Amino acid sequence: MTELVITEEMEKLENSALTVYETSKEIEIQNDLQYSHEADHLKGVKGDAKEIESKRKELVKPFQEATKNLNAFFKKPLDLLKNAETNIKRAILVYDAKLEEERIAEQKKIDDLAEKERKRLAKLANKQEAAGNVEKAEETREKAVSVPVQAVNKSTPIKGISKRDNWIFLVTDPALIPREYLIPDEKKLTQVAKAHKGTLQIPGVAFKNEPIIASGT
């Protein structure tokens, strides 16, 4: 880490700003003369701030340019790797979806066979019961209930790779969205406030003027 070297000029600027700040905390305007004095004082403060900001930019500029050039250099390879990561993840998800589709189809076949066997046993139990073999019919019904169903799992766990659910939303009809899921358009309301200055009434909204003191240098 590069150590910051504080020059004598920088120390003077800092100390001057501290003095101005401490003095400003005690300001209390009681008459027009003080008001005029503090208006001039405000201009001086803004001038001091402009001077410090100019010095900051002067000292920081070389580092900003170097940082900008380094960021520009590394941006391309980082973007390429980020896109490569996206491509690989997409390929993995496509393959996972294919495996899931195959699993569902295979599971359906197994479930259908199990259901077919249950129906066969239930039919057999009815015949046994009709023939008077109640005990045998009960055993057959128990077998029907306990027909095993094998769960299909086609995914292969890979160390370092995991998948988690990522639920998102899609707006299908803005007009049907409940109020609790809507937020005011603050940017548009701010534009209305500045353009109409409180003359335009909007239900549920109050416009208020909060003056801002401006001063030249």
Protein backbone atom coordinates (compact mmCIF):
# COMPACT_ATOMS: atom_id res chain seq x y z
CA MET A 1 0.00 0.00 0.00
CA THR A 2 1.35 3.43 -1.03
CA GLU A 3 1.72 5.73 1.99
CA LEU A 4 0.14 9.16 1.62
CA VAL A 5 2.62 12.00 1.98
CA ILE A 6 1.01 15.06 3.57
CA THR A 7 2.65 18.27 2.35
CA GLU A 8 2.79 21.52 4.31
CA GLU A 9 0.33 23.08 1.87
CA MET A 10 -2.15 20.24 2.41
CA GLU A 11 -1.88 20.63 6.19
CA LYS A 12 -2.59 24.36 5.92
CA LEU A 13 -5.68 23.71 3.82
CA GLU A 14 -6.95 21.13 6.32
CA ASN A 15 -6.32 23.34 9.35
CA SER A 16 -7.98 26.30 7.66
CA ALA A 17 -11.07 24.21 6.87
CA LEU A 18 -11.20 22.98 10.47
CA THR A 19 -11.07 26.53 11.79
CA VAL A 20 -13.86 27.65 9.46
CA TYR A 21 -15.99 24.67 10.50
CA GLU A 22 -15.54 25.24 14.24
CA THR A 23 -16.42 28.91 13.81
CA SER A 24 -19.52 28.09 11.76
CA LYS A 25 -21.01 26.05 14.61
CA GLU A 26 -21.33 29.21 16.73
CA ILE A 27 -22.99 31.38 14.08
CA GLU A 28 -26.34 32.91 15.06
CA ILE A 29 -27.72 35.72 12.90
CA GLN A 30 -29.65 38.40 14.84
CA ASN A 31 -29.77 41.38 12.47
CA ASP A 32 -29.40 42.44 8.84
CA LEU A 33 -25.76 43.44 9.28
CA GLN A 34 -24.85 39.96 10.52
CA TYR A 35 -26.96 38.46 7.71
CA SER A 36 -24.95 40.44 5.13
CA HIS A 37 -21.69 39.50 6.85
CA GLU A 38 -22.51 35.80 6.84
CA ALA A 39 -23.58 35.99 3.20
CA ASP A 40 -20.07 37.26 2.39
CA HIS A 41 -18.65 34.65 4.76
CA LEU A 42 -20.54 31.93 2.84
CA LYS A 43 -19.01 33.12 -0.42
CA GLY A 44 -15.57 32.89 1.18
CA VAL A 45 -16.24 29.36 2.42
CA LYS A 46 -17.32 28.28 -1.05
CA GLY A 47 -14.17 29.90 -2.47
CA ASP A 48 -12.01 27.96 0.01
CA ALA A 49 -13.80 24.74 -0.89
CA LYS A 50 -13.23 25.44 -4.59
CA GLU A 51 -9.52 25.97 -3.94
CA ILE A 52 -9.23 22.70 -1.99
CA GLU A 53 -11.20 20.81 -4.64
CA SER A 54 -8.89 22.20 -7.33
CA LYS A 55 -5.82 21.02 -5.40
CA ARG A 56 -7.41 17.60 -4.85
CA LYS A 57 -8.08 17.17 -8.56
CA GLU A 58 -4.54 18.29 -9.39
CA LEU A 59 -3.00 15.67 -7.08
CA VAL A 60 -5.45 12.89 -7.87
CA LYS A 61 -5.50 13.25 -11.67
CA PRO A 62 -2.33 11.20 -12.39
CA PHE A 63 -3.60 8.34 -10.22
CA GLN A 64 -7.06 8.50 -11.80
CA GLU A 65 -5.57 8.26 -15.28
CA ALA A 66 -3.39 5.31 -14.26
CA THR A 67 -6.37 3.60 -12.61
CA LYS A 68 -8.52 4.24 -15.68
CA ASN A 69 -5.91 2.71 -17.98
CA LEU A 70 -5.46 -0.35 -15.74
CA ASN A 71 -9.21 -0.87 -15.46
CA ALA A 72 -9.57 -0.57 -19.24
CA PHE A 73 -6.79 -3.14 -19.77
CA PHE A 74 -8.24 -5.72 -17.37
CA LYS A 75 -11.87 -5.15 -18.38
CA LYS A 76 -11.61 -7.14 -21.63
CA PRO A 77 -10.15 -10.38 -20.22
CA LEU A 78 -12.47 -10.20 -17.20
CA ASP A 79 -15.50 -9.70 -19.46
CA LEU A 80 -14.39 -12.62 -21.65
CA LEU A 81 -14.08 -14.90 -18.62
CA LYS A 82 -17.42 -13.70 -17.25
CA ASN A 83 -19.06 -14.50 -20.59
CA ALA A 84 -17.30 -17.87 -20.67
CA GLU A 85 -18.69 -18.61 -17.20
CA THR A 86 -22.18 -17.69 -18.43
CA ASN A 87 -21.81 -19.96 -21.47
CA ILE A 88 -20.65 -22.91 -19.37
CA LYS A 89 -23.43 -22.44 -16.81
CA ARG A 90 -25.97 -22.25 -19.64
CA ALA A 91 -24.65 -25.51 -21.11
CA ILE A 92 -24.85 -27.18 -17.68
CA LEU A 93 -28.45 -26.00 -17.21
CA VAL A 94 -29.41 -27.25 -20.69
CA TYR A 95 -27.93 -30.65 -19.91
CA ASP A 96 -29.62 -30.71 -16.49
CA ALA A 97 -32.95 -29.91 -18.15
CA LYS A 98 -32.40 -32.76 -20.61
CA LEU A 99 -31.64 -35.19 -17.78
CA GLU A 100 -34.72 -34.03 -15.88
CA GLU A 101 -36.90 -34.54 -18.95
CA GLU A 102 -35.51 -38.06 -19.37
CA ARG A 103 -35.98 -38.75 -15.64
CA ILE A 104 -39.63 -37.68 -15.75
CA ALA A 105 -40.30 -39.86 -18.80
CA GLU A 106 -38.56 -42.88 -17.25
CA GLN A 107 -40.28 -42.31 -13.90
CA LYS A 108 -43.66 -42.22 -15.67
CA LYS A 109 -42.95 -45.60 -17.27
CA ILE A 110 -42.05 -47.09 -13.88
CA ASP A 111 -45.09 -45.51 -12.21
CA ASP A 112 -47.36 -46.79 -14.98
CA LEU A 113 -45.99 -50.32 -14.61
CA ALA A 114 -46.48 -50.15 -10.84
CA GLU A 115 -50.05 -48.91 -11.28
CA LYS A 116 -50.72 -51.67 -13.79
CA GLU A 117 -49.43 -54.25 -11.29
CA ARG A 118 -51.59 -52.78 -8.51
CA LYS A 119 -54.68 -53.03 -10.70
CA ARG A 120 -53.81 -56.61 -11.66
CA LEU A 121 -53.43 -57.61 -8.02
CA ALA A 122 -56.64 -55.78 -7.04
CA LYS A 123 -58.53 -57.62 -9.79
CA LEU A 124 -57.01 -60.92 -8.67
CA ALA A 125 -58.01 -60.20 -5.05
CA ASN A 126 -61.60 -59.59 -6.15
CA LYS A 127 -61.65 -62.94 -7.96
CA GLN A 128 -60.16 -64.71 -4.92
CA GLU A 129 -62.74 -63.09 -2.66
CA ALA A 130 -65.57 -64.05 -5.04
CA ALA A 131 -64.29 -67.65 -4.94
CA GLY A 132 -64.55 -67.60 -1.15
CA ASN A 133 -60.82 -67.37 -0.47
CA VAL A 134 -61.06 -64.26 1.72
CA GLU A 135 -57.72 -64.75 3.48
CA LYS A 136 -55.86 -65.11 0.19
CA ALA A 137 -57.67 -62.08 -1.21
CA GLU A 138 -56.54 -59.98 1.79
CA GLU A 139 -52.91 -61.02 1.24
CA THR A 140 -53.19 -60.08 -2.43
CA ARG A 141 -54.62 -56.65 -1.56
CA GLU A 142 -51.71 -56.05 0.84
CA LYS A 143 -49.31 -56.88 -1.98
CA ALA A 144 -51.14 -54.40 -4.23
CA VAL A 145 -50.77 -51.63 -1.67
CA SER A 146 -47.05 -52.33 -1.19
CA VAL A 147 -46.04 -52.58 -4.86
CA PRO A 148 -42.56 -50.98 -4.87
CA VAL A 149 -41.95 -47.87 -6.98
CA GLN A 150 -38.34 -47.13 -7.85
CA ALA A 151 -37.35 -43.47 -7.86
CA VAL A 152 -35.28 -42.49 -10.88
CA ASN A 153 -32.24 -40.25 -10.34
CA LYS A 154 -30.24 -39.42 -13.44
CA SER A 155 -28.17 -36.53 -12.07
CA THR A 156 -24.52 -37.11 -11.26
CA PRO A 157 -23.14 -35.02 -8.35
CA ILE A 158 -19.95 -33.17 -9.28
CA LYS A 159 -17.70 -31.73 -6.59
CA GLY A 160 -17.75 -27.93 -6.59
CA ILE A 161 -20.90 -27.68 -8.71
CA SER A 162 -24.31 -27.11 -7.15
CA LYS A 163 -27.68 -25.86 -8.33
CA ARG A 164 -30.20 -23.89 -6.32
CA ASP A 165 -33.65 -22.57 -7.08
CA ASN A 166 -33.81 -19.02 -8.41
CA TRP A 167 -37.41 -17.85 -8.58
CA ILE A 168 -38.06 -14.70 -10.58
CA PHE A 169 -41.19 -12.77 -11.55
CA LEU A 170 -42.70 -11.81 -14.91
CA VAL A 171 -45.34 -9.08 -15.13
CA THR A 172 -48.18 -10.39 -17.30
CA ASP A 173 -50.73 -7.62 -16.66
CA PRO A 174 -49.67 -4.44 -14.78
CA ALA A 175 -53.32 -3.46 -14.23
CA LEU A 176 -53.93 -6.53 -12.05
CA ILE A 177 -50.97 -6.03 -9.69
CA PRO A 178 -52.17 -5.39 -6.06
CA ARG A 179 -51.36 -1.96 -4.58
CA GLU A 180 -48.96 -3.40 -1.99
CA TYR A 181 -46.65 -4.43 -4.83
CA LEU A 182 -46.62 -1.01 -6.48
CA ILE A 183 -44.21 1.83 -5.67
CA PRO A 184 -44.52 5.55 -6.52
CA ASP A 185 -42.46 6.81 -9.47
CA GLU A 186 -40.24 9.17 -7.43
CA LYS A 187 -38.39 10.46 -10.49
CA LYS A 188 -41.61 11.48 -12.22
CA LEU A 189 -43.07 13.00 -9.03
CA THR A 190 -39.89 15.06 -8.55
CA GLN A 191 -40.17 16.33 -12.12
CA VAL A 192 -43.82 17.30 -11.51
CA ALA A 193 -42.89 19.06 -8.25
CA LYS A 194 -40.20 21.17 -9.92
CA ALA A 195 -42.25 21.89 -13.05
CA HIS A 196 -45.60 22.81 -11.43
CA LYS A 197 -44.34 24.13 -8.05
CA GLY A 198 -47.27 22.70 -6.10
CA THR A 199 -50.02 23.89 -8.47
CA LEU A 200 -50.80 20.42 -9.82
CA GLN A 201 -52.78 18.23 -7.43
CA ILE A 202 -52.15 14.48 -7.38
CA PRO A 203 -54.26 12.29 -5.03
CA GLY A 204 -52.18 10.81 -2.23
CA VAL A 205 -49.25 13.17 -2.84
CA ALA A 206 -48.32 16.44 -1.10
CA PHE A 207 -45.82 18.85 -2.65
CA LYS A 208 -43.59 20.92 -0.37
CA ASN A 209 -41.05 23.65 -1.05
CA GLU A 210 -37.74 23.22 0.79
CA PRO A 211 -35.59 26.28 -0.11
CA ILE A 212 -31.89 25.76 -0.81
CA ILE A 213 -29.39 28.54 -0.13
CA ALA A 214 -27.15 29.21 -3.11
CA SER A 215 -24.07 31.41 -3.11
CA GLY A 216 -21.53 32.53 -5.67
CA THR A 217 -17.80 32.51 -5.00
